[in-house]
Amino acid sequence: MEDEKPSTKHLVLKPKEIVPMDPPSRPGDGTALSVQLIHEQNRLAEEKAKVRRRTNAPMPVPETQEPGLSPAFKLKTIDTVNPVARPDDEEAIHVAEILLENRINEERSGWKRIRFWRRRSSKRLRDFLIGVGSVDLAVAAFMYWQQNPITAMFGIGAITLVTSMSAWIMFFVMDDY
């Protein structure tokens, strides 16, 4: 009796209720998002930044904070150790000048006068031809000495196997030496 399905005749779905969260914005009321509004906000932010740079004022911190927030959600306070450097400041770091000084010091040290030897040619091809050639010649000589069809088939298979295996190992697996 416990496993029977209950009757669903009396079940009815609730009507869907949609509650608007934000009031609709109309063009011209100042709350609608538009490209002109975004450009205006960017222009105002640039003007504030220029004033802040001229007066060397810190970034404004919003004063409104909820009293019951945990420390993880509170604004972080960052104390600047060094003031922002100005372009006309003598003690400011100038990357272009540092790179120029490094280049002049390298030239004075004479590091370009060192002769770099050309890369040594690889000996892989020579070793491949000597090794595979000698094995293939030995198998071919054995095939000529025996002269029967079975030896010829096994000899051709051995030559193919040794040549392809050695080529794979010498030119794909190994590095230059």
N, C-alpha and C. Protein backbone atom coordinates (compact mmCIF):
# COMPACT_ATOMS: atom_id res chain seq x y z
N MET A 1 0.80 -1.18 0.00
CA MET A 1 0.00 0.00 0.00
C MET A 1 0.86 1.26 0.00
N GLU A 2 2.05 1.19 0.58
CA GLU A 2 2.93 2.36 0.67
C GLU A 2 3.50 2.76 -0.68
N ASP A 3 3.62 1.80 -1.60
CA ASP A 3 4.27 2.06 -2.87
C ASP A 3 3.32 2.62 -3.91
N GLU A 4 2.06 2.79 -3.60
CA GLU A 4 1.11 3.31 -4.57
C GLU A 4 1.37 4.79 -4.83
N LYS A 5 1.09 5.21 -6.05
CA LYS A 5 1.23 6.63 -6.40
C LYS A 5 0.03 7.39 -5.86
N PRO A 6 0.26 8.55 -5.26
CA PRO A 6 -0.89 9.33 -4.78
C PRO A 6 -1.65 9.94 -5.95
N SER A 7 -2.84 10.28 -5.73
CA SER A 7 -3.68 10.88 -6.76
C SER A 7 -3.21 12.31 -7.03
N THR A 8 -3.14 12.67 -8.29
CA THR A 8 -2.68 14.01 -8.68
C THR A 8 -3.80 14.84 -9.28
N LYS A 9 -5.03 14.43 -9.14
CA LYS A 9 -6.15 15.16 -9.73
C LYS A 9 -6.33 16.53 -9.09
N HIS A 10 -6.01 16.66 -7.83
CA HIS A 10 -6.26 17.92 -7.14
C HIS A 10 -5.07 18.88 -7.18
N LEU A 11 -3.95 18.50 -7.81
CA LEU A 11 -2.77 19.37 -7.90
C LEU A 11 -2.91 20.35 -9.05
N VAL A 12 -2.61 21.62 -8.79
CA VAL A 12 -2.71 22.68 -9.80
C VAL A 12 -1.44 23.52 -9.72
N LEU A 13 -0.90 23.92 -10.87
CA LEU A 13 0.29 24.78 -10.89
C LEU A 13 -0.08 26.19 -10.49
N LYS A 14 0.85 26.85 -9.76
CA LYS A 14 0.62 28.23 -9.34
C LYS A 14 0.80 29.15 -10.54
N PRO A 15 0.07 30.22 -10.59
CA PRO A 15 0.28 31.17 -11.69
C PRO A 15 1.64 31.86 -11.53
N LYS A 16 2.31 32.10 -12.65
CA LYS A 16 3.63 32.73 -12.64
C LYS A 16 3.47 34.22 -12.39
N GLU A 17 4.20 34.71 -11.40
CA GLU A 17 4.17 36.13 -11.07
C GLU A 17 5.52 36.75 -11.39
N ILE A 18 5.55 37.80 -12.17
CA ILE A 18 6.79 38.48 -12.52
C ILE A 18 6.78 39.83 -11.83
N VAL A 19 7.77 40.05 -11.00
CA VAL A 19 7.87 41.30 -10.24
C VAL A 19 9.05 42.08 -10.79
N PRO A 20 8.84 43.26 -11.34
CA PRO A 20 9.98 44.05 -11.84
C PRO A 20 10.83 44.55 -10.67
N MET A 21 12.14 44.42 -10.81
CA MET A 21 13.06 44.83 -9.75
C MET A 21 13.49 46.29 -9.91
N ASP A 22 13.77 46.71 -11.14
CA ASP A 22 14.21 48.07 -11.40
C ASP A 22 13.15 48.77 -12.23
N PRO A 23 12.95 50.06 -12.00
CA PRO A 23 11.97 50.76 -12.84
C PRO A 23 12.50 50.86 -14.27
N PRO A 24 11.64 50.83 -15.26
CA PRO A 24 12.12 50.92 -16.64
C PRO A 24 12.73 52.29 -16.92
N SER A 25 13.77 52.31 -17.73
CA SER A 25 14.41 53.57 -18.06
C SER A 25 13.91 54.02 -19.42
N ARG A 26 13.72 55.30 -19.54
CA ARG A 26 13.22 55.90 -20.78
C ARG A 26 14.34 56.76 -21.38
N PRO A 27 14.41 56.82 -22.69
CA PRO A 27 15.44 57.67 -23.31
C PRO A 27 15.28 59.12 -22.87
N GLY A 28 16.39 59.72 -22.45
CA GLY A 28 16.38 61.12 -22.07
C GLY A 28 16.25 61.36 -20.59
N ASP A 29 15.97 60.32 -19.78
CA ASP A 29 15.83 60.56 -18.34
C ASP A 29 17.15 60.44 -17.60
N GLY A 30 18.24 60.10 -18.31
CA GLY A 30 19.56 60.05 -17.68
C GLY A 30 19.92 58.70 -17.11
N THR A 31 18.98 57.77 -17.06
CA THR A 31 19.29 56.45 -16.52
C THR A 31 19.44 55.40 -17.60
N ALA A 32 19.03 55.70 -18.82
CA ALA A 32 19.15 54.74 -19.92
C ALA A 32 20.62 54.62 -20.33
N LEU A 33 21.07 53.39 -20.60
CA LEU A 33 22.44 53.19 -21.05
C LEU A 33 22.54 53.58 -22.51
N SER A 34 23.52 54.39 -22.82
CA SER A 34 23.74 54.79 -24.21
C SER A 34 25.23 55.03 -24.39
N VAL A 35 25.64 55.05 -25.64
CA VAL A 35 27.05 55.28 -25.95
C VAL A 35 27.45 56.69 -25.53
N GLN A 36 26.57 57.65 -25.72
CA GLN A 36 26.88 59.03 -25.35
C GLN A 36 27.07 59.14 -23.84
N LEU A 37 26.22 58.45 -23.07
CA LEU A 37 26.34 58.50 -21.61
C LEU A 37 27.65 57.86 -21.15
N ILE A 38 28.02 56.76 -21.77
CA ILE A 38 29.27 56.10 -21.42
C ILE A 38 30.46 57.00 -21.74
N HIS A 39 30.44 57.66 -22.91
CA HIS A 39 31.53 58.57 -23.26
C HIS A 39 31.58 59.75 -22.31
N GLU A 40 30.44 60.24 -21.89
CA GLU A 40 30.40 61.35 -20.94
C GLU A 40 30.99 60.94 -19.60
N GLN A 41 30.67 59.73 -19.13
CA GLN A 41 31.23 59.25 -17.87
C GLN A 41 32.75 59.07 -17.99
N ASN A 42 33.23 58.56 -19.12
CA ASN A 42 34.67 58.41 -19.32
C ASN A 42 35.37 59.77 -19.35
N ARG A 43 34.75 60.77 -19.97
CA ARG A 43 35.33 62.11 -20.02
C ARG A 43 35.44 62.70 -18.63
N LEU A 44 34.38 62.54 -17.82
CA LEU A 44 34.42 63.05 -16.45
C LEU A 44 35.49 62.34 -15.62
N ALA A 45 35.64 61.03 -15.81
CA ALA A 45 36.66 60.29 -15.07
C ALA A 45 38.06 60.74 -15.47
N GLU A 46 38.29 61.03 -16.77
CA GLU A 46 39.60 61.51 -17.21
C GLU A 46 39.91 62.88 -16.61
N GLU A 47 38.91 63.75 -16.53
CA GLU A 47 39.13 65.06 -15.93
C GLU A 47 39.49 64.93 -14.45
N LYS A 48 38.79 64.05 -13.74
CA LYS A 48 39.11 63.83 -12.32
C LYS A 48 40.52 63.28 -12.16
N ALA A 49 40.91 62.39 -13.05
CA ALA A 49 42.26 61.81 -12.97
C ALA A 49 43.32 62.87 -13.23
N LYS A 50 43.07 63.78 -14.19
CA LYS A 50 44.04 64.85 -14.47
C LYS A 50 44.21 65.75 -13.25
N VAL A 51 43.10 66.10 -12.61
CA VAL A 51 43.18 66.94 -11.41
C VAL A 51 43.92 66.22 -10.31
N ARG A 52 43.64 64.94 -10.15
CA ARG A 52 44.30 64.15 -9.10
C ARG A 52 45.81 64.05 -9.37
N ARG A 53 46.20 63.92 -10.65
CA ARG A 53 47.63 63.84 -10.98
C ARG A 53 48.33 65.17 -10.72
N ARG A 54 47.65 66.28 -11.03
CA ARG A 54 48.26 67.59 -10.82
C ARG A 54 48.46 67.87 -9.34
N THR A 55 47.48 67.52 -8.54
CA THR A 55 47.56 67.83 -7.11
C THR A 55 48.19 66.71 -6.30
N ASN A 56 48.49 65.57 -6.96
CA ASN A 56 49.08 64.41 -6.29
C ASN A 56 48.19 63.93 -5.14
N ALA A 57 46.89 63.98 -5.36
CA ALA A 57 45.92 63.57 -4.34
C ALA A 57 45.70 62.06 -4.44
N PRO A 58 45.44 61.38 -3.32
CA PRO A 58 45.18 59.94 -3.38
C PRO A 58 43.80 59.66 -3.98
N MET A 59 43.57 58.41 -4.32
CA MET A 59 42.27 58.00 -4.87
C MET A 59 41.20 58.21 -3.80
N PRO A 60 40.04 58.74 -4.18
CA PRO A 60 38.98 58.93 -3.18
C PRO A 60 38.41 57.58 -2.73
N VAL A 61 38.16 57.46 -1.44
CA VAL A 61 37.62 56.23 -0.86
C VAL A 61 36.17 56.50 -0.49
N PRO A 62 35.25 55.66 -0.93
CA PRO A 62 33.86 55.88 -0.55
C PRO A 62 33.68 55.73 0.96
N GLU A 63 32.91 56.63 1.53
CA GLU A 63 32.72 56.65 2.97
C GLU A 63 31.60 55.72 3.44
N THR A 64 30.72 55.36 2.53
CA THR A 64 29.56 54.57 2.93
C THR A 64 29.92 53.10 2.96
N GLN A 65 29.96 52.53 4.16
CA GLN A 65 30.20 51.11 4.34
C GLN A 65 29.17 50.59 5.32
N GLU A 66 28.75 49.40 5.06
CA GLU A 66 27.79 48.77 5.96
C GLU A 66 28.50 48.41 7.27
N PRO A 67 27.92 48.70 8.42
CA PRO A 67 28.61 48.41 9.67
C PRO A 67 28.73 46.92 9.96
N GLY A 68 27.82 46.10 9.44
CA GLY A 68 27.84 44.69 9.78
C GLY A 68 28.59 43.81 8.80
N LEU A 69 29.38 44.38 7.88
CA LEU A 69 30.10 43.57 6.91
C LEU A 69 31.30 42.88 7.55
N SER A 70 31.60 41.71 7.04
CA SER A 70 32.80 41.01 7.53
C SER A 70 34.03 41.69 6.94
N PRO A 71 35.21 41.49 7.52
CA PRO A 71 36.42 42.14 7.00
C PRO A 71 36.75 41.75 5.56
N ALA A 72 36.25 40.61 5.11
CA ALA A 72 36.55 40.18 3.75
C ALA A 72 35.89 41.10 2.73
N PHE A 73 34.77 41.73 3.08
CA PHE A 73 34.05 42.57 2.14
C PHE A 73 34.32 44.06 2.33
N LYS A 74 35.11 44.42 3.31
CA LYS A 74 35.43 45.83 3.52
C LYS A 74 36.51 46.27 2.55
N LEU A 75 36.56 47.57 2.27
CA LEU A 75 37.56 48.10 1.36
C LEU A 75 38.95 47.97 1.96
N LYS A 76 39.89 47.61 1.11
CA LYS A 76 41.28 47.48 1.55
C LYS A 76 41.93 48.86 1.52
N THR A 77 42.74 49.14 2.51
CA THR A 77 43.49 50.40 2.52
C THR A 77 44.92 50.09 2.12
N ILE A 78 45.40 50.80 1.14
CA ILE A 78 46.75 50.59 0.64
C ILE A 78 47.51 51.89 0.85
N ASP A 79 48.61 51.82 1.57
CA ASP A 79 49.45 52.98 1.80
C ASP A 79 50.57 52.99 0.77
N THR A 80 50.68 54.07 0.01
CA THR A 80 51.75 54.16 -0.98
C THR A 80 53.05 54.50 -0.28
N VAL A 81 54.10 53.78 -0.64
CA VAL A 81 55.41 53.99 -0.02
C VAL A 81 56.12 55.14 -0.72
N ASN A 82 56.13 55.11 -2.04
CA ASN A 82 56.81 56.14 -2.82
C ASN A 82 55.77 56.94 -3.60
N PRO A 83 55.95 58.24 -3.72
CA PRO A 83 55.00 59.02 -4.53
C PRO A 83 55.18 58.69 -6.01
N VAL A 84 54.19 59.02 -6.80
CA VAL A 84 54.24 58.77 -8.23
C VAL A 84 55.32 59.64 -8.85
N ALA A 85 56.15 59.05 -9.73
CA ALA A 85 57.25 59.78 -10.35
C ALA A 85 56.73 60.67 -11.47
N ARG A 86 57.30 61.84 -11.60
CA ARG A 86 56.96 62.78 -12.66
C ARG A 86 57.99 62.65 -13.79
N PRO A 87 57.63 62.97 -15.02
CA PRO A 87 58.58 62.84 -16.12
C PRO A 87 59.81 63.74 -15.98
N ASP A 88 59.68 64.89 -15.32
CA ASP A 88 60.82 65.79 -15.19
C ASP A 88 61.64 65.51 -13.93
N ASP A 89 61.31 64.48 -13.19
CA ASP A 89 62.01 64.13 -11.95
C ASP A 89 63.37 63.52 -12.28
N GLU A 90 64.42 63.97 -11.60
CA GLU A 90 65.77 63.46 -11.84
C GLU A 90 65.96 62.05 -11.31
N GLU A 91 65.29 61.71 -10.22
CA GLU A 91 65.47 60.40 -9.60
C GLU A 91 64.51 59.36 -10.16
N ALA A 92 63.67 59.74 -11.10
CA ALA A 92 62.72 58.78 -11.68
C ALA A 92 63.47 57.77 -12.54
N ILE A 93 62.92 56.59 -12.66
CA ILE A 93 63.51 55.54 -13.48
C ILE A 93 63.05 55.74 -14.91
N HIS A 94 64.02 55.84 -15.82
CA HIS A 94 63.73 55.99 -17.24
C HIS A 94 64.26 54.75 -17.94
N VAL A 95 63.37 53.93 -18.45
CA VAL A 95 63.74 52.64 -19.04
C VAL A 95 64.60 52.83 -20.28
N ALA A 96 64.26 53.78 -21.13
CA ALA A 96 65.03 53.99 -22.36
C ALA A 96 66.49 54.34 -22.05
N GLU A 97 66.70 55.16 -21.02
CA GLU A 97 68.07 55.52 -20.66
C GLU A 97 68.83 54.33 -20.08
N ILE A 98 68.18 53.51 -19.30
CA ILE A 98 68.83 52.33 -18.74
C ILE A 98 69.23 51.36 -19.85
N LEU A 99 68.34 51.16 -20.84
CA LEU A 99 68.67 50.27 -21.96
C LEU A 99 69.82 50.81 -22.78
N LEU A 100 69.86 52.13 -22.97
CA LEU A 100 70.96 52.74 -23.72
C LEU A 100 72.28 52.56 -22.97
N GLU A 101 72.27 52.75 -21.66
CA GLU A 101 73.48 52.54 -20.87
C GLU A 101 73.93 51.08 -20.95
N ASN A 102 72.99 50.14 -20.89
CA ASN A 102 73.36 48.73 -21.00
C ASN A 102 73.99 48.43 -22.35
N ARG A 103 73.44 48.97 -23.43
CA ARG A 103 73.98 48.73 -24.77
C ARG A 103 75.38 49.31 -24.89
N ILE A 104 75.60 50.51 -24.34
CA ILE A 104 76.94 51.13 -24.39
C ILE A 104 77.94 50.29 -23.61
N ASN A 105 77.55 49.81 -22.43
CA ASN A 105 78.45 48.97 -21.63
C ASN A 105 78.76 47.65 -22.31
N GLU A 106 77.81 47.08 -23.02
CA GLU A 106 78.07 45.84 -23.76
C GLU A 106 79.08 46.07 -24.87
N GLU A 107 78.93 47.18 -25.58
CA GLU A 107 79.87 47.49 -26.65
C GLU A 107 81.27 47.71 -26.09
N ARG A 108 81.37 48.39 -24.96
CA ARG A 108 82.68 48.64 -24.35
C ARG A 108 83.33 47.36 -23.86
N SER A 109 82.53 46.40 -23.40
CA SER A 109 83.10 45.17 -22.87
C SER A 109 83.70 44.30 -23.96
N GLY A 110 83.28 44.49 -25.21
CA GLY A 110 83.88 43.75 -26.31
C GLY A 110 83.29 42.37 -26.52
N TRP A 111 82.10 42.15 -26.10
CA TRP A 111 81.53 40.81 -26.24
C TRP A 111 81.26 40.45 -27.70
N LYS A 112 81.15 41.42 -28.59
CA LYS A 112 80.91 41.12 -30.00
C LYS A 112 82.19 40.73 -30.72
N ARG A 113 83.33 40.94 -30.09
CA ARG A 113 84.59 40.57 -30.73
C ARG A 113 84.86 39.08 -30.63
N ILE A 114 84.09 38.38 -29.82
CA ILE A 114 84.27 36.94 -29.70
C ILE A 114 83.77 36.29 -30.97
N ARG A 115 84.61 35.40 -31.54
CA ARG A 115 84.23 34.75 -32.78
C ARG A 115 83.44 33.49 -32.45
N PHE A 116 82.25 33.43 -33.00
CA PHE A 116 81.44 32.24 -32.80
C PHE A 116 81.72 31.28 -33.95
N TRP A 117 82.13 30.07 -33.62
CA TRP A 117 82.44 29.08 -34.62
C TRP A 117 81.15 28.57 -35.24
N ARG A 118 81.25 28.19 -36.50
CA ARG A 118 80.05 27.67 -37.16
C ARG A 118 79.72 26.30 -36.59
N ARG A 119 78.48 25.95 -36.73
CA ARG A 119 77.99 24.70 -36.16
C ARG A 119 78.64 23.52 -36.86
N ARG A 120 79.03 22.54 -36.07
CA ARG A 120 79.68 21.35 -36.60
C ARG A 120 78.65 20.54 -37.37
N SER A 121 79.05 20.01 -38.51
CA SER A 121 78.11 19.23 -39.31
C SER A 121 77.84 17.89 -38.63
N SER A 122 76.64 17.40 -38.82
CA SER A 122 76.22 16.15 -38.19
C SER A 122 76.85 14.96 -38.90
N LYS A 123 77.16 13.93 -38.14
CA LYS A 123 77.76 12.72 -38.69
C LYS A 123 76.74 11.59 -38.78
N ARG A 124 75.46 11.92 -38.64
CA ARG A 124 74.42 10.88 -38.66
C ARG A 124 74.33 10.20 -40.01
N LEU A 125 74.34 10.98 -41.09
CA LEU A 125 74.18 10.38 -42.42
C LEU A 125 75.34 9.44 -42.73
N ARG A 126 76.55 9.84 -42.39
CA ARG A 126 77.71 8.98 -42.63
C ARG A 126 77.59 7.68 -41.86
N ASP A 127 77.23 7.77 -40.56
CA ASP A 127 77.09 6.57 -39.75
C ASP A 127 75.94 5.69 -40.24
N PHE A 128 74.85 6.30 -40.69
CA PHE A 128 73.72 5.53 -41.22
C PHE A 128 74.13 4.76 -42.46
N LEU A 129 74.81 5.45 -43.39
CA LEU A 129 75.20 4.78 -44.63
C LEU A 129 76.19 3.66 -44.37
N ILE A 130 77.13 3.86 -43.47
CA ILE A 130 78.12 2.82 -43.18
C ILE A 130 77.44 1.63 -42.49
N GLY A 131 76.64 1.89 -41.47
CA GLY A 131 76.01 0.80 -40.72
C GLY A 131 74.99 0.03 -41.53
N VAL A 132 74.04 0.73 -42.14
CA VAL A 132 72.99 0.06 -42.89
C VAL A 132 73.56 -0.54 -44.17
N GLY A 133 74.48 0.18 -44.80
CA GLY A 133 75.07 -0.36 -46.03
C GLY A 133 75.81 -1.66 -45.79
N SER A 134 76.56 -1.75 -44.71
CA SER A 134 77.30 -2.99 -44.44
C SER A 134 76.35 -4.15 -44.11
N VAL A 135 75.29 -3.90 -43.34
CA VAL A 135 74.33 -4.97 -43.02
C VAL A 135 73.58 -5.40 -44.27
N ASP A 136 73.14 -4.43 -45.09
CA ASP A 136 72.42 -4.77 -46.32
C ASP A 136 73.30 -5.54 -47.29
N LEU A 137 74.58 -5.16 -47.40
CA LEU A 137 75.50 -5.90 -48.28
C LEU A 137 75.71 -7.32 -47.77
N ALA A 138 75.80 -7.50 -46.44
CA ALA A 138 75.97 -8.84 -45.89
C ALA A 138 74.75 -9.71 -46.16
N VAL A 139 73.54 -9.15 -46.02
CA VAL A 139 72.32 -9.92 -46.29
C VAL A 139 72.22 -10.23 -47.79
N ALA A 140 72.57 -9.25 -48.65
CA ALA A 140 72.53 -9.50 -50.10
C ALA A 140 73.54 -10.56 -50.50
N ALA A 141 74.72 -10.56 -49.89
CA ALA A 141 75.73 -11.60 -50.19
C ALA A 141 75.23 -12.97 -49.75
N PHE A 142 74.55 -13.05 -48.58
CA PHE A 142 74.00 -14.33 -48.13
C PHE A 142 72.89 -14.79 -49.07
N MET A 143 72.06 -13.87 -49.58
CA MET A 143 71.00 -14.22 -50.52
C MET A 143 71.61 -14.75 -51.83
N TYR A 144 72.71 -14.13 -52.29
CA TYR A 144 73.36 -14.59 -53.53
C TYR A 144 74.00 -15.96 -53.33
N TRP A 145 74.54 -16.21 -52.15
CA TRP A 145 75.20 -17.48 -51.86
C TRP A 145 74.19 -18.62 -51.76
N GLN A 146 73.01 -18.40 -51.15
CA GLN A 146 72.00 -19.45 -50.97
C GLN A 146 71.19 -19.67 -52.24
N GLN A 147 70.73 -18.66 -52.91
CA GLN A 147 69.98 -18.67 -54.16
C GLN A 147 68.78 -19.60 -54.14
N ASN A 148 67.87 -19.40 -53.19
CA ASN A 148 66.58 -20.07 -53.24
C ASN A 148 65.51 -19.03 -52.92
N PRO A 149 64.24 -19.28 -53.30
CA PRO A 149 63.20 -18.27 -53.15
C PRO A 149 62.91 -17.90 -51.69
N ILE A 150 62.98 -18.84 -50.76
CA ILE A 150 62.70 -18.55 -49.34
C ILE A 150 63.76 -17.60 -48.79
N THR A 151 65.02 -17.87 -49.09
CA THR A 151 66.10 -17.01 -48.62
C THR A 151 65.96 -15.61 -49.23
N ALA A 152 65.55 -15.52 -50.48
CA ALA A 152 65.37 -14.22 -51.14
C ALA A 152 64.26 -13.42 -50.46
N MET A 153 63.13 -14.08 -50.13
CA MET A 153 62.03 -13.37 -49.48
C MET A 153 62.45 -12.88 -48.08
N PHE A 154 63.10 -13.80 -47.32
CA PHE A 154 63.54 -13.37 -45.99
C PHE A 154 64.63 -12.31 -46.07
N GLY A 155 65.48 -12.39 -47.07
CA GLY A 155 66.54 -11.39 -47.24
C GLY A 155 65.98 -10.02 -47.57
N ILE A 156 64.99 -9.96 -48.49
CA ILE A 156 64.37 -8.67 -48.83
C ILE A 156 63.66 -8.09 -47.61
N GLY A 157 62.99 -8.97 -46.85
CA GLY A 157 62.33 -8.52 -45.62
C GLY A 157 63.33 -7.99 -44.61
N ALA A 158 64.48 -8.68 -44.47
CA ALA A 158 65.50 -8.25 -43.52
C ALA A 158 66.10 -6.91 -43.94
N ILE A 159 66.36 -6.75 -45.24
CA ILE A 159 66.92 -5.48 -45.73
C ILE A 159 65.94 -4.34 -45.48
N THR A 160 64.65 -4.57 -45.78
CA THR A 160 63.63 -3.54 -45.57
C THR A 160 63.51 -3.19 -44.09
N LEU A 161 63.48 -4.22 -43.24
CA LEU A 161 63.33 -3.99 -41.80
C LEU A 161 64.53 -3.25 -41.23
N VAL A 162 65.72 -3.67 -41.55
CA VAL A 162 66.92 -3.04 -41.00
C VAL A 162 67.05 -1.60 -41.48
N THR A 163 66.78 -1.36 -42.77
CA THR A 163 66.91 -0.01 -43.32
C THR A 163 65.88 0.94 -42.71
N SER A 164 64.60 0.53 -42.66
CA SER A 164 63.57 1.43 -42.12
C SER A 164 63.73 1.64 -40.62
N MET A 165 64.08 0.58 -39.87
CA MET A 165 64.28 0.72 -38.43
C MET A 165 65.46 1.64 -38.13
N SER A 166 66.54 1.48 -38.85
CA SER A 166 67.72 2.32 -38.61
C SER A 166 67.45 3.77 -39.01
N ALA A 167 66.72 3.97 -40.11
CA ALA A 167 66.39 5.34 -40.52
C ALA A 167 65.51 6.01 -39.47
N TRP A 168 64.54 5.29 -38.94
CA TRP A 168 63.66 5.86 -37.91
C TRP A 168 64.47 6.23 -36.67
N ILE A 169 65.32 5.33 -36.24
CA ILE A 169 66.10 5.59 -35.02
C ILE A 169 67.09 6.74 -35.24
N MET A 170 67.81 6.71 -36.36
CA MET A 170 68.87 7.71 -36.57
C MET A 170 68.33 9.12 -36.84
N PHE A 171 67.22 9.24 -37.60
CA PHE A 171 66.80 10.56 -38.04
C PHE A 171 65.58 11.11 -37.31
N PHE A 172 64.82 10.27 -36.61
CA PHE A 172 63.64 10.76 -35.92
C PHE A 172 63.75 10.66 -34.41
N VAL A 173 64.40 9.63 -33.91
CA VAL A 173 64.50 9.44 -32.46
C VAL A 173 65.71 10.16 -31.89
N MET A 174 66.86 10.02 -32.55
CA MET A 174 68.10 10.59 -32.02
C MET A 174 68.27 12.05 -32.40
N ASP A 175 69.00 12.78 -31.57
CA ASP A 175 69.36 14.17 -31.87
C ASP A 175 70.64 14.19 -32.70
N ASP A 176 71.00 15.38 -33.18
CA ASP A 176 72.27 15.53 -33.89
C ASP A 176 73.42 15.24 -32.94
N TYR A 177 74.46 14.67 -33.51
CA TYR A 177 75.69 14.45 -32.72
C TYR A 177 76.89 14.73 -33.57
